[in-house]
Amino acid sequence: MQGPPERGGATQEQALATVDGRISGRCLVACLAAIAVGAAGFVMTSGPDPQRAWMSVWSNFLFWTGLSMGGVIFGAVLQVAKGHWGKGLRRLAEASAAFLPMSFLLFCALWFGAEHILPWLGPVETEHLNRDWLTLDGVFLRNGILLIVLYKFAFAWMYYSIRADAPLVAGANRGWRRSIISMFGRKWRGDDEETVRCRHLIARMSPPLILAWAVVFALVSFDLGMSLTPGFVSMIWGPYYFIGGWLCLLATVAIAAHYYRDRYGVTLWGSADFHDLGKLTFAFVVFWTYLWFAQFLVIWYGNIPRETNFFEPRLSGSYSTMFWLQMVLIFVLPFAFLLGRSPKMNSRWLAMVGCIILIGFWVERWNMVVPSIRHGDSLPLGLPELAITSGFAGLFSLAWMAYSSTFPKVPIRETIAVGSPGRGP
């Protein structure tokens, strides 16, 4: 009979020992090489086929941005739901948010490729199009302001999340890392007072941050995703998009937690932690699929041409294979692999499912963009898309490693009492 699952844990000294203080040379070279490949792939493709190059940039922006913002929301959701089980995984989730500044720069870069992507910039065969709302300057100005506000709010939340550990972490770093972390500890009021203050502030900031995430990402998905099929309207589109990003974040945390689990001579997360993460992942796999089916079912029985024009090119022709592939990778396989109790407690198994989910959502974001723009029998998927995606992956990995090598892999004052594992606030 299988025994009860165990929790991981680390003392303050063990947690600080997880601060690497540097990115390994091999990882740095791999990230820079991936970025170079992505840049070369974009340049070589944008000459003969600029639309194909920008389609890949567009879909990758939607994929990596949704994943990155989910890192801050993970911590905020734990605060609101009093999810003490997941606070040991919070630093891994927060590391993905280091990509958000790059996300904003990439959003600004999308403006240069908008003419190749946005069909409503030219004449379209539909009367159901709000041209007062959908203007090039309006889309980028509106969403740019919204992203600035949301990202500043997210970084303010992260500031107080990090501040409680700042004096301890600063001592474990050197050079520019130590200088940056020291900024988080300015006007320090004492360990006990600052710990309570930071907990109080992030608890108050979490509900409005979650609401802002939902509203802003819904609007971004309307303008940069749903509008690619002129006339198409879905009231579920916003949650369909940002819940997908949240699920990608859970998959990424599962992969990172498996990688770091026993790397520092201590089990940072036990089988119980992976079990809880697996249950949450399973639940949102089902929930995301419910959103997709709810959207599809209403459009199917309504049979309104301006709504079915989104599904028609995806369910027939060359794109149908990719459409059903996304459903297999996001729902069928994860549902089957995580249905039992034991698989959720196995970090290696959970990491494998996380990889499947990430690949599935990359395909889903590609399907969100490409079939709306590119029509024909050929499937525009090959080396250009692989190269550009590797560039985005390199940028994300570089940001992730810069954060995770600077801070401990688990929060200290949130979950650890003096000298021994604690249960959190």
Protein backbone atom coordinates (compact mmCIF):
# COMPACT_ATOMS: atom_id res chain seq x y z
CA MET A 1 0.00 0.00 0.00
CA GLN A 2 1.36 3.39 -0.97
CA GLY A 3 2.24 5.66 1.93
CA PRO A 4 1.13 9.27 2.32
CA PRO A 5 2.88 11.78 0.05
CA GLU A 6 5.70 13.79 1.56
CA ARG A 7 6.35 17.52 1.48
CA GLY A 8 9.66 18.96 0.49
CA GLY A 9 11.41 21.59 2.54
CA ALA A 10 14.63 23.46 3.14
CA THR A 11 16.26 25.37 5.95
CA GLN A 12 17.29 28.96 5.44
CA GLU A 13 20.87 27.92 4.72
CA GLN A 14 19.76 25.24 2.27
CA ALA A 15 17.48 27.70 0.49
CA LEU A 16 20.28 30.24 0.12
CA ALA A 17 22.52 27.50 -1.25
CA THR A 18 20.20 27.29 -4.26
CA VAL A 19 21.34 30.77 -5.35
CA ASP A 20 23.69 30.00 -8.25
CA GLY A 21 24.87 33.58 -8.66
CA ARG A 22 25.67 33.04 -12.34
CA ILE A 23 24.41 31.51 -15.55
CA SER A 24 26.55 28.61 -16.63
CA GLY A 25 28.62 29.24 -19.73
CA ARG A 26 27.05 26.33 -21.56
CA CYS A 27 23.51 27.58 -20.92
CA LEU A 28 24.45 31.13 -21.87
CA VAL A 29 25.96 30.00 -25.16
CA ALA A 30 22.88 27.86 -25.90
CA CYS A 31 20.53 30.81 -25.28
CA LEU A 32 22.57 33.23 -27.39
CA ALA A 33 22.83 30.65 -30.17
CA ALA A 34 19.05 30.13 -30.13
CA ILE A 35 18.47 33.90 -30.27
CA ALA A 36 20.89 34.19 -33.21
CA VAL A 37 19.12 31.35 -35.03
CA GLY A 38 15.77 33.05 -34.45
CA ALA A 39 17.03 36.40 -35.75
CA ALA A 40 18.61 34.75 -38.80
CA GLY A 41 15.42 32.78 -39.48
CA PHE A 42 13.33 35.94 -39.34
CA VAL A 43 15.65 37.92 -41.61
CA MET A 44 15.94 35.14 -44.18
CA THR A 45 12.17 34.56 -44.24
CA SER A 46 11.00 38.18 -44.14
CA GLY A 47 12.65 38.92 -47.48
CA PRO A 48 10.89 36.37 -49.74
CA ASP A 49 7.82 35.85 -47.53
CA PRO A 50 7.32 38.60 -44.91
CA GLN A 51 3.83 37.41 -44.00
CA ARG A 52 5.12 34.00 -42.98
CA ALA A 53 7.85 35.53 -40.84
CA TRP A 54 5.48 37.88 -39.05
CA MET A 55 2.87 35.16 -38.53
CA SER A 56 5.43 33.20 -36.57
CA VAL A 57 6.46 36.26 -34.54
CA TRP A 58 2.81 37.05 -33.84
CA SER A 59 1.89 33.56 -32.64
CA ASN A 60 5.06 33.26 -30.53
CA PHE A 61 4.34 36.61 -28.90
CA LEU A 62 0.89 35.39 -27.86
CA PHE A 63 2.36 32.11 -26.56
CA TRP A 64 5.30 33.40 -24.52
CA THR A 65 3.50 36.49 -23.19
CA GLY A 66 0.59 34.45 -21.84
CA LEU A 67 2.99 32.04 -20.16
CA SER A 68 5.13 34.81 -18.63
CA MET A 69 2.32 36.80 -17.06
CA GLY A 70 1.00 33.59 -15.54
CA GLY A 71 4.09 33.51 -13.31
CA VAL A 72 2.97 36.51 -11.27
CA ILE A 73 -0.64 35.40 -11.29
CA PHE A 74 0.40 32.04 -9.80
CA GLY A 75 1.60 33.77 -6.65
CA ALA A 76 -1.41 36.10 -6.57
CA VAL A 77 -3.85 33.19 -6.88
CA LEU A 78 -2.10 31.38 -4.02
CA GLN A 79 -2.54 34.47 -1.85
CA VAL A 80 -6.24 34.82 -2.63
CA ALA A 81 -6.98 31.09 -2.30
CA LYS A 82 -4.75 30.68 0.80
CA GLY A 83 -2.90 27.98 -1.08
CA HIS A 84 -0.02 27.38 1.30
CA TRP A 85 0.85 24.16 -0.54
CA GLY A 86 2.17 26.05 -3.55
CA LYS A 87 4.23 28.79 -1.94
CA GLY A 88 7.34 26.67 -2.20
CA LEU A 89 6.87 26.72 -6.00
CA ARG A 90 6.26 30.45 -6.20
CA ARG A 91 9.82 31.50 -7.04
CA LEU A 92 9.89 29.14 -10.00
CA ALA A 93 6.68 30.67 -11.30
CA GLU A 94 7.91 34.23 -10.75
CA ALA A 95 11.02 33.55 -12.82
CA SER A 96 8.88 33.44 -15.96
CA ALA A 97 7.83 37.06 -15.35
CA ALA A 98 11.39 38.17 -16.07
CA PHE A 99 10.41 37.87 -19.75
CA LEU A 100 7.73 40.59 -19.47
CA PRO A 101 10.03 43.55 -20.38
CA MET A 102 11.05 41.65 -23.53
CA SER A 103 7.38 40.92 -24.14
CA PHE A 104 6.60 44.63 -24.22
CA LEU A 105 9.47 45.35 -26.63
CA LEU A 106 8.26 42.54 -28.88
CA PHE A 107 4.74 43.96 -28.73
CA CYS A 108 6.09 47.28 -30.00
CA ALA A 109 7.93 45.42 -32.77
CA LEU A 110 4.64 43.86 -33.94
CA TRP A 111 3.62 47.28 -35.26
CA PHE A 112 6.18 46.96 -38.06
CA GLY A 113 4.59 43.71 -39.27
CA ALA A 114 0.95 44.66 -38.74
CA GLU A 115 0.32 45.27 -42.44
CA HIS A 116 1.18 41.63 -43.16
CA ILE A 117 -1.02 40.24 -40.37
CA LEU A 118 -4.11 42.36 -39.73
CA PRO A 119 -6.64 41.68 -42.50
CA TRP A 120 -8.95 44.50 -41.46
CA LEU A 121 -6.36 47.08 -42.54
CA GLY A 122 -7.60 46.44 -46.06
CA PRO A 123 -11.05 45.75 -47.55
CA VAL A 124 -12.87 42.79 -45.99
CA GLU A 125 -16.08 40.99 -47.00
CA THR A 126 -18.10 41.59 -43.87
CA GLU A 127 -20.30 44.31 -42.46
CA HIS A 128 -19.78 43.15 -38.88
CA LEU A 129 -16.58 45.08 -38.22
CA ASN A 130 -16.17 47.99 -35.84
CA ARG A 131 -13.68 50.16 -37.70
CA ASP A 132 -13.87 52.84 -35.03
CA TRP A 133 -12.35 50.32 -32.60
CA LEU A 134 -10.06 48.48 -34.99
CA THR A 135 -7.56 51.05 -36.20
CA LEU A 136 -3.82 50.44 -36.35
CA ASP A 137 -2.91 53.32 -34.06
CA GLY A 138 -5.82 52.58 -31.75
CA VAL A 139 -4.92 48.90 -31.33
CA PHE A 140 -1.27 49.52 -30.49
CA LEU A 141 -1.83 52.64 -28.39
CA ARG A 142 -4.67 51.06 -26.42
CA ASN A 143 -2.96 47.75 -25.79
CA GLY A 144 0.42 49.37 -25.21
CA ILE A 145 -1.00 51.50 -22.39
CA LEU A 146 -2.85 48.53 -20.91
CA LEU A 147 0.28 46.35 -20.95
CA ILE A 148 2.38 49.10 -19.34
CA VAL A 149 -0.14 49.47 -16.52
CA LEU A 150 -0.49 45.71 -16.02
CA TYR A 151 3.26 45.02 -16.14
CA LYS A 152 4.02 47.85 -13.70
CA PHE A 153 1.39 46.43 -11.35
CA ALA A 154 2.90 42.95 -11.73
CA PHE A 155 6.42 44.21 -10.97
CA ALA A 156 5.16 46.13 -7.94
CA TRP A 157 3.70 42.84 -6.66
CA MET A 158 6.99 41.06 -7.34
CA TYR A 159 8.92 43.84 -5.58
CA TYR A 160 7.17 43.13 -2.28
CA SER A 161 7.36 39.39 -2.87
CA ILE A 162 11.14 39.66 -3.21
CA ARG A 163 11.73 42.38 -0.61
CA ALA A 164 11.17 40.14 2.41
CA ASP A 165 14.13 37.97 1.34
CA ALA A 166 16.30 40.77 -0.09
CA PRO A 167 18.89 41.20 2.73
CA LEU A 168 19.50 37.44 2.90
CA VAL A 169 19.70 37.03 -0.88
CA ALA A 170 22.01 40.02 -1.31
CA GLY A 171 24.59 38.31 0.88
CA ALA A 172 24.50 35.22 -1.35
CA ASN A 173 25.26 37.23 -4.51
CA ARG A 174 28.01 39.49 -5.73
CA GLY A 175 28.65 42.06 -8.44
CA TRP A 176 25.72 43.58 -10.31
CA ARG A 177 23.32 41.04 -8.87
CA ARG A 178 24.10 42.13 -5.33
CA SER A 179 23.70 45.81 -6.28
CA ILE A 180 20.28 45.20 -7.81
CA ILE A 181 19.02 43.11 -4.89
CA SER A 182 20.26 45.72 -2.41
CA MET A 183 17.80 48.16 -4.00
CA PHE A 184 14.97 45.92 -2.78
CA GLY A 185 16.15 46.29 0.81
CA ARG A 186 16.31 50.08 1.04
CA LYS A 187 14.82 51.67 4.18
CA TRP A 188 14.67 48.29 5.89
CA ARG A 189 12.53 48.38 9.02
CA GLY A 190 13.60 45.12 10.56
CA ASP A 191 13.04 41.50 9.62
CA ASP A 192 9.78 40.91 11.48
CA GLU A 193 8.16 44.20 10.50
CA GLU A 194 9.15 43.91 6.83
CA THR A 195 8.00 40.30 6.57
CA VAL A 196 4.55 41.16 7.93
CA ARG A 197 4.34 44.33 5.83
CA CYS A 198 5.26 42.55 2.59
CA ARG A 199 2.80 39.75 3.24
CA HIS A 200 0.08 42.28 3.93
CA LEU A 201 0.79 44.30 0.79
CA ILE A 202 0.92 41.39 -1.64
CA ALA A 203 -2.27 40.01 -0.08
CA ARG A 204 -4.04 43.32 -0.76
CA MET A 205 -2.61 43.66 -4.26
CA SER A 206 -3.42 40.11 -5.40
CA PRO A 207 -7.20 40.40 -6.08
CA PRO A 208 -6.99 43.55 -8.25
CA LEU A 209 -3.92 42.13 -10.03
CA ILE A 210 -5.84 38.98 -11.00
CA LEU A 211 -8.77 41.10 -12.21
CA ALA A 212 -6.45 43.38 -14.21
CA TRP A 213 -4.77 40.35 -15.79
CA ALA A 214 -8.11 38.95 -16.91
CA VAL A 215 -9.38 42.26 -18.34
CA VAL A 216 -6.15 43.35 -20.06
CA PHE A 217 -5.30 39.97 -21.54
CA ALA A 218 -8.88 39.54 -22.76
CA LEU A 219 -8.67 42.87 -24.60
CA VAL A 220 -5.22 42.04 -25.99
CA SER A 221 -6.52 38.70 -27.25
CA PHE A 222 -9.51 40.41 -28.90
CA ASP A 223 -7.32 42.86 -30.80
CA LEU A 224 -4.38 40.60 -31.65
CA GLY A 225 -6.16 37.26 -32.00
CA MET A 226 -9.91 37.34 -32.54
CA SER A 227 -9.77 40.30 -34.95
CA LEU A 228 -7.64 38.26 -37.37
CA THR A 229 -10.93 36.68 -38.50
CA PRO A 230 -12.98 39.79 -39.40
CA GLY A 231 -16.55 39.56 -38.18
CA PHE A 232 -15.88 36.68 -35.79
CA VAL A 233 -17.12 37.29 -32.25
CA SER A 234 -16.78 35.01 -29.22
CA MET A 235 -17.53 36.11 -25.69
CA ILE A 236 -15.41 33.24 -24.35
CA TRP A 237 -12.33 34.27 -26.33
CA GLY A 238 -10.69 36.22 -23.51
CA PRO A 239 -10.77 33.42 -20.88
CA TYR A 240 -9.93 30.94 -23.65
CA TYR A 241 -6.69 32.85 -24.22
CA PHE A 242 -5.51 33.79 -20.72
CA ILE A 243 -6.45 30.47 -19.11
CA GLY A 244 -4.29 28.84 -21.80
CA GLY A 245 -1.37 31.01 -20.67
CA TRP A 246 -2.03 30.03 -17.04
CA LEU A 247 -1.99 26.34 -18.00
CA CYS A 248 1.31 26.84 -19.86
CA LEU A 249 2.75 28.34 -16.66
CA LEU A 250 1.69 25.32 -14.61
CA ALA A 251 3.37 23.06 -17.16
CA THR A 252 6.56 25.13 -17.02
CA VAL A 253 6.65 25.02 -13.22
CA ALA A 254 6.29 21.23 -13.32
CA ILE A 255 9.27 20.96 -15.68
CA ALA A 256 11.46 23.34 -13.67
CA ALA A 257 10.54 21.74 -10.32
CA HIS A 258 11.52 18.31 -11.61
CA TYR A 259 14.82 19.69 -12.88
CA TYR A 260 15.72 21.45 -9.61
CA ARG A 261 14.09 19.00 -7.19
CA ASP A 262 17.20 17.23 -5.81
CA ARG A 263 19.92 19.27 -7.48
CA TYR A 264 21.18 21.01 -4.33
CA GLY A 265 21.44 18.02 -2.03
CA VAL A 266 17.98 18.55 -0.54
CA THR A 267 14.51 17.67 -1.77
CA LEU A 268 12.97 21.10 -2.30
CA TRP A 269 9.57 19.70 -3.26
CA GLY A 270 8.16 16.34 -2.21
CA SER A 271 5.65 14.04 -3.82
CA ALA A 272 2.79 15.90 -2.10
CA ASP A 273 3.82 19.15 -3.76
CA PHE A 274 3.87 17.51 -7.19
CA HIS A 275 0.58 15.80 -6.41
CA ASP A 276 -1.08 19.17 -5.73
CA LEU A 277 0.49 20.72 -8.81
CA GLY A 278 -0.65 17.74 -10.88
CA LYS A 279 -4.22 18.06 -9.60
CA LEU A 280 -4.27 21.76 -10.46
CA THR A 281 -2.88 21.05 -13.93
CA PHE A 282 -5.44 18.31 -14.51
CA ALA A 283 -8.28 20.58 -13.41
CA PHE A 284 -7.29 23.38 -15.78
CA VAL A 285 -6.75 20.97 -18.67
CA VAL A 286 -10.40 20.04 -18.26
CA PHE A 287 -11.49 23.65 -17.71
CA TRP A 288 -9.67 24.98 -20.80
CA THR A 289 -11.22 22.20 -22.90
CA TYR A 290 -14.63 23.09 -21.49
CA LEU A 291 -14.10 26.70 -22.61
CA TRP A 292 -13.11 25.54 -26.08
CA PHE A 293 -16.10 23.20 -26.40
CA ALA A 294 -18.54 25.79 -25.01
CA GLN A 295 -17.35 28.23 -27.66
CA PHE A 296 -17.50 25.61 -30.43
CA LEU A 297 -20.91 24.20 -29.46
CA VAL A 298 -22.73 27.55 -29.50
CA ILE A 299 -21.22 28.46 -32.87
CA TRP A 300 -21.99 25.02 -34.31
CA TYR A 301 -25.69 24.95 -33.45
CA GLY A 302 -26.10 28.66 -34.21
CA ASN A 303 -24.53 28.13 -37.67
CA ILE A 304 -24.04 31.86 -38.24
CA PRO A 305 -21.61 32.36 -41.15
CA ARG A 306 -19.69 35.22 -39.52
CA GLU A 307 -18.95 32.92 -36.56
CA THR A 308 -18.39 29.61 -38.35
CA ASN A 309 -15.78 31.29 -40.57
CA PHE A 310 -13.31 30.85 -37.70
CA PHE A 311 -13.72 27.07 -37.45
CA GLU A 312 -14.31 26.31 -41.13
CA PRO A 313 -10.67 26.66 -42.31
CA ARG A 314 -9.41 24.87 -39.20
CA LEU A 315 -11.66 21.83 -39.48
CA SER A 316 -11.03 21.17 -43.15
CA GLY A 317 -8.14 21.18 -45.56
CA SER A 318 -4.47 21.31 -44.63
CA TYR A 319 -5.05 22.96 -41.23
CA SER A 320 -7.32 20.24 -39.84
CA THR A 321 -4.37 18.04 -38.85
CA MET A 322 -2.87 20.82 -36.75
CA PHE A 323 -6.25 21.60 -35.21
CA TRP A 324 -6.81 18.04 -33.97
CA LEU A 325 -3.16 17.76 -32.96
CA GLN A 326 -3.61 20.62 -30.51
CA MET A 327 -6.62 18.91 -28.93
CA VAL A 328 -4.71 15.64 -28.53
CA LEU A 329 -1.71 17.38 -26.97
CA ILE A 330 -3.65 19.73 -24.69
CA PHE A 331 -6.53 17.50 -23.62
CA VAL A 332 -6.47 13.83 -24.66
CA LEU A 333 -2.95 12.90 -23.56
CA PRO A 334 -2.76 15.04 -20.38
CA PHE A 335 -6.21 13.84 -19.31
CA ALA A 336 -5.20 10.20 -19.73
CA PHE A 337 -1.72 10.61 -18.21
CA LEU A 338 -2.89 12.53 -15.11
CA LEU A 339 -6.10 10.66 -14.39
CA GLY A 340 -4.57 8.48 -11.67
CA ARG A 341 -3.05 9.51 -8.34
CA SER A 342 0.41 8.02 -8.75
CA PRO A 343 1.33 9.81 -12.02
CA LYS A 344 0.67 13.20 -10.40
CA MET A 345 3.11 12.38 -7.60
CA ASN A 346 5.90 11.42 -10.01
CA SER A 347 7.90 14.53 -10.89
CA ARG A 348 9.41 12.97 -14.01
CA TRP A 349 6.00 11.96 -15.31
CA LEU A 350 4.50 15.36 -14.51
CA ALA A 351 7.37 17.11 -16.30
CA MET A 352 6.77 14.96 -19.38
CA VAL A 353 3.10 15.93 -19.37
CA GLY A 354 4.19 19.56 -18.98
CA CYS A 355 6.28 19.29 -22.15
CA ILE A 356 3.30 17.84 -24.02
CA ILE A 357 1.05 20.68 -22.85
CA LEU A 358 3.57 23.35 -23.88
CA ILE A 359 3.96 21.87 -27.36
CA GLY A 360 0.18 21.63 -27.61
CA PHE A 361 -0.32 25.28 -26.75
CA TRP A 362 2.38 26.39 -29.15
CA VAL A 363 0.40 24.58 -31.85
CA GLU A 364 -2.82 26.16 -30.54
CA ARG A 365 -1.39 29.71 -30.68
CA TRP A 366 -0.09 28.98 -34.19
CA ASN A 367 -3.59 27.79 -35.13
CA MET A 368 -5.03 30.95 -33.58
CA VAL A 369 -3.09 33.13 -36.02
CA VAL A 370 -2.10 31.37 -39.23
CA PRO A 371 -5.36 29.87 -40.63
CA SER A 372 -7.04 33.27 -40.29
CA ILE A 373 -4.44 34.89 -42.53
CA ARG A 374 -2.89 32.29 -44.81
CA HIS A 375 -5.24 30.47 -47.14
CA GLY A 376 -4.32 27.66 -49.48
CA ASP A 377 -3.44 23.99 -49.64
CA SER A 378 0.13 24.25 -48.36
CA LEU A 379 0.88 24.23 -44.63
CA PRO A 380 3.25 27.12 -43.74
CA LEU A 381 5.11 25.21 -41.07
CA GLY A 382 8.77 24.26 -41.30
CA LEU A 383 12.28 25.51 -40.66
CA PRO A 384 11.39 29.25 -40.58
CA GLU A 385 8.85 28.68 -37.81
CA LEU A 386 11.24 26.41 -35.93
CA ALA A 387 14.04 28.97 -36.16
CA ILE A 388 11.92 31.93 -35.02
CA THR A 389 10.45 29.89 -32.18
CA SER A 390 13.95 28.93 -31.03
CA GLY A 391 14.77 32.64 -30.86
CA PHE A 392 11.80 33.29 -28.58
CA ALA A 393 12.71 30.26 -26.48
CA GLY A 394 16.26 31.59 -26.16
CA LEU A 395 15.01 34.99 -24.98
CA PHE A 396 12.63 33.42 -22.48
CA SER A 397 15.28 31.00 -21.16
CA LEU A 398 17.83 33.79 -20.78
CA ALA A 399 15.37 35.89 -18.76
CA TRP A 400 14.35 32.85 -16.71
CA MET A 401 17.94 31.91 -15.85
CA ALA A 402 18.91 35.50 -15.01
CA TYR A 403 16.13 35.52 -12.39
CA SER A 404 16.45 31.97 -11.09
CA SER A 405 20.23 32.25 -10.73
CA THR A 406 19.83 35.41 -8.63
CA PHE A 407 17.13 34.31 -6.19
CA PRO A 408 16.68 31.10 -4.18
CA LYS A 409 14.50 28.44 -5.77
CA VAL A 410 12.11 28.65 -2.80
CA PRO A 411 10.96 31.75 -0.87
CA ILE A 412 12.54 31.97 2.58
CA ARG A 413 10.51 34.18 4.89
CA GLU A 414 7.19 33.13 3.36
CA THR A 415 7.55 29.42 4.05
CA ILE A 416 10.55 28.91 6.32
CA ALA A 417 10.86 29.48 10.03
CA VAL A 418 14.25 30.21 11.55
CA GLY A 419 16.50 27.20 10.93
CA SER A 420 13.78 24.75 9.90
CA PRO A 421 10.92 24.24 7.45
CA GLY A 422 7.78 26.13 8.30
CA ARG A 423 4.17 26.15 7.19
CA GLY A 424 3.89 29.75 6.02
CA PRO A 425 1.55 32.49 7.20
